[in-house]
Protein backbone atom coordinates (compact mmCIF):
# COMPACT_ATOMS: atom_id res chain seq x y z
CA MET A 1 18.88 -11.20 75.85
CA PRO A 2 15.31 -10.58 74.79
CA ILE A 3 13.97 -10.41 71.27
CA TYR A 4 10.72 -8.48 71.11
CA GLU A 5 8.26 -8.39 68.25
CA TYR A 6 6.56 -5.19 67.18
CA ARG A 7 4.10 -4.02 64.52
CA CYS A 8 5.36 -0.86 62.80
CA HIS A 9 2.41 1.42 62.10
CA ASP A 10 4.51 3.41 59.60
CA CYS A 11 5.47 0.58 57.21
CA ARG A 12 2.81 -1.89 58.47
CA ARG A 13 5.34 -4.71 58.93
CA ARG A 14 5.97 -7.09 61.79
CA VAL A 15 9.57 -6.74 63.02
CA SER A 16 11.73 -8.44 65.64
CA ILE A 17 14.19 -6.33 67.62
CA PHE A 18 17.05 -7.78 69.67
CA PHE A 19 18.12 -6.06 72.90
CA ARG A 20 21.36 -7.00 74.68
CA SER A 21 19.61 -7.01 78.07
CA VAL A 22 16.23 -6.29 79.62
CA ALA A 23 17.70 -3.02 80.95
CA ALA A 24 18.61 -1.99 77.38
CA VAL A 25 14.99 -2.06 76.22
CA SER A 26 14.15 1.51 75.26
CA ALA A 27 12.06 3.30 72.66
CA PRO A 28 12.58 0.97 69.68
CA GLN A 29 12.86 2.04 66.06
CA CYS A 30 11.71 0.00 63.09
CA PRO A 31 14.76 -1.61 61.42
CA ARG A 32 12.96 -1.49 58.05
CA CYS A 33 11.78 2.13 57.83
CA GLY A 34 13.30 3.80 60.91
CA GLY A 35 9.86 4.72 62.26
CA ALA A 36 9.19 5.01 65.98
CA ASN A 37 5.46 4.25 65.84
CA LEU A 38 5.76 0.64 67.07
CA GLU A 39 3.27 -1.50 68.97
CA ARG A 40 4.64 -4.41 71.02
CA LEU A 41 3.19 -7.81 70.07
CA PHE A 42 3.04 -11.03 72.01
CA SER A 43 5.25 -13.60 70.34
CA ARG A 44 3.80 -16.96 69.42
CA VAL A 45 5.04 -19.90 71.40
CA VAL A 46 5.22 -23.42 70.02
CA VAL A 47 5.56 -26.35 72.39
CA ARG A 48 6.20 -29.79 70.96
CA ARG A 49 5.40 -32.71 73.20
CA GLY A 50 7.40 -35.86 73.41
CA ALA A 51 10.84 -34.37 72.89
CA ALA A 52 13.00 -35.24 75.89
CA ARG A 53 16.11 -33.50 74.57
CA SER A 54 16.83 -29.81 74.49
CA GLY A 55 16.68 -27.81 71.28
CA ASN A 56 20.45 -27.25 71.36
CA GLU A 57 21.13 -31.00 71.33
CA ILE A 58 18.78 -31.47 68.39
CA ALA A 59 20.39 -28.57 66.50
CA ASP A 60 23.85 -29.98 67.21
CA ASP A 61 22.77 -33.39 65.88
CA ALA A 62 21.39 -31.78 62.72
CA TRP A 63 24.63 -29.83 62.21
CA ASP A 64 26.75 -32.95 62.76
CA ALA A 65 24.61 -34.97 60.36
CA GLY A 66 24.99 -32.32 57.65
CA ASP A 67 21.28 -31.43 57.66
CA LEU A 68 22.08 -27.72 57.92
CA GLY A 69 23.79 -25.56 55.34
CA ASP A 70 26.98 -23.57 55.88
CA ASP A 71 24.96 -20.68 57.28
CA GLY A 72 23.09 -22.95 59.72
CA ASP A 73 19.78 -22.83 57.86
CA ALA A 74 17.98 -26.04 57.08
CA PRO A 75 17.47 -26.64 53.36
CA PHE A 76 13.95 -25.98 52.10
CA ASP A 77 12.03 -29.20 51.52
CA LEU A 78 8.31 -29.38 50.73
CA ASP A 79 8.21 -32.84 52.32
CA ASP A 80 8.73 -31.20 55.72
CA VAL A 81 5.92 -28.66 55.30
CA PRO A 82 2.93 -29.49 57.50
CA GLY A 83 -0.34 -29.55 55.60
CA LEU A 84 1.19 -30.51 52.25
CA ASP A 85 1.63 -33.99 50.90
CA ASP A 86 4.08 -35.41 48.37
CA ASP A 87 1.64 -34.86 45.51
CA ALA A 88 0.84 -31.25 46.42
CA ASP A 89 -0.88 -29.39 43.63
CA PRO A 90 0.80 -26.03 42.80
CA ARG A 91 -2.51 -24.34 43.60
CA GLU A 92 -2.42 -25.96 47.04
CA ILE A 93 1.13 -24.67 47.59
CA ALA A 94 -0.02 -21.17 46.57
CA ARG A 95 -2.94 -21.39 49.02
CA TRP A 96 -0.62 -22.60 51.78
CA THR A 97 1.80 -19.71 51.07
CA ARG A 98 -1.04 -17.20 51.48
CA GLU A 99 -2.14 -18.86 54.74
CA MET A 100 1.39 -18.72 56.16
CA SER A 101 1.76 -15.07 55.16
CA ALA A 102 -1.53 -14.22 56.88
CA SER A 103 -0.71 -16.21 60.02
CA LEU A 104 2.69 -14.51 60.34
CA GLY A 105 1.21 -11.08 59.72
CA GLU A 106 3.62 -10.45 56.85
CA PRO A 107 2.21 -9.07 53.61
CA LEU A 108 3.29 -10.69 50.36
CA ASP A 109 5.40 -8.76 47.86
CA PRO A 110 3.16 -7.57 45.00
CA GLU A 111 5.12 -9.66 42.47
CA LEU A 112 4.75 -12.81 44.58
CA ASP A 113 1.07 -12.07 45.18
CA GLN A 114 0.52 -11.82 41.41
CA ALA A 115 2.51 -15.02 40.80
CA LEU A 116 0.41 -16.90 43.36
CA ALA A 117 -2.79 -15.57 41.79
CA ASP A 118 -1.61 -16.79 38.37
CA ILE A 119 -0.80 -20.25 39.76
CA GLU A 120 -4.17 -20.40 41.52
CA ARG A 121 -5.85 -19.66 38.17
CA GLY A 122 -4.02 -22.63 36.65
CA ALA A 123 -1.02 -20.99 34.97
CA ASP A 124 2.03 -23.18 34.37
CA PRO A 125 4.14 -22.85 37.56
CA GLU A 126 7.40 -23.10 35.59
CA GLU A 127 6.44 -20.11 33.42
CA VAL A 128 5.33 -18.14 36.47
CA LEU A 129 8.60 -18.91 38.31
CA ASP A 130 10.61 -17.88 35.23
CA ARG A 131 8.74 -14.56 35.17
CA VAL A 132 9.20 -14.05 38.92
CA ALA A 133 12.94 -14.75 38.60
CA GLY A 134 13.04 -12.03 35.94
CA VAL A 135 11.82 -9.38 38.41
CA GLY A 136 14.40 -10.25 41.04
CA LEU A 137 12.51 -12.60 43.37
CA ASP A 138 14.20 -15.86 44.29
CA ASP A 139 12.58 -19.14 43.33
CA PRO A 140 11.35 -20.52 46.67
CA LEU A 141 11.65 -24.06 45.32
CA ASP A 142 15.31 -23.60 44.37
CA PRO A 143 17.18 -22.10 47.33
CA GLU A 144 20.54 -22.70 45.64
CA GLY A 145 19.59 -20.50 42.70
CA ASP A 146 20.39 -23.23 40.14
């Protein structure tokens, strides 16, 4: 059951498309815009050394320990973000967000891009997050929406 990554030249987004079997792979369409002008990308592979157990065992342990939410997603925690320390400056978090967006090949929403620019200029992050919440973007630091 392969999942292939493509770059849509119509909407300029990176998309992942699931196929039920290798034989089912056909002319893909972009799930975002419906375009057929897709270029297949090579997926990134991450190998962690030192782990003797399979990923399924680790995921099962996390689920049993209550580390995953009801939907199976791990809660967002800045302490687990590589490259950031406990005393991360909001400007550093904004810089890191831009780096991650660039490395994943995903453009930032214009509202988020403006919010990051404001934080990088030294604006109060709380005020910026309040403004961003007003335009319909979720607060990335409050996944529960509280």
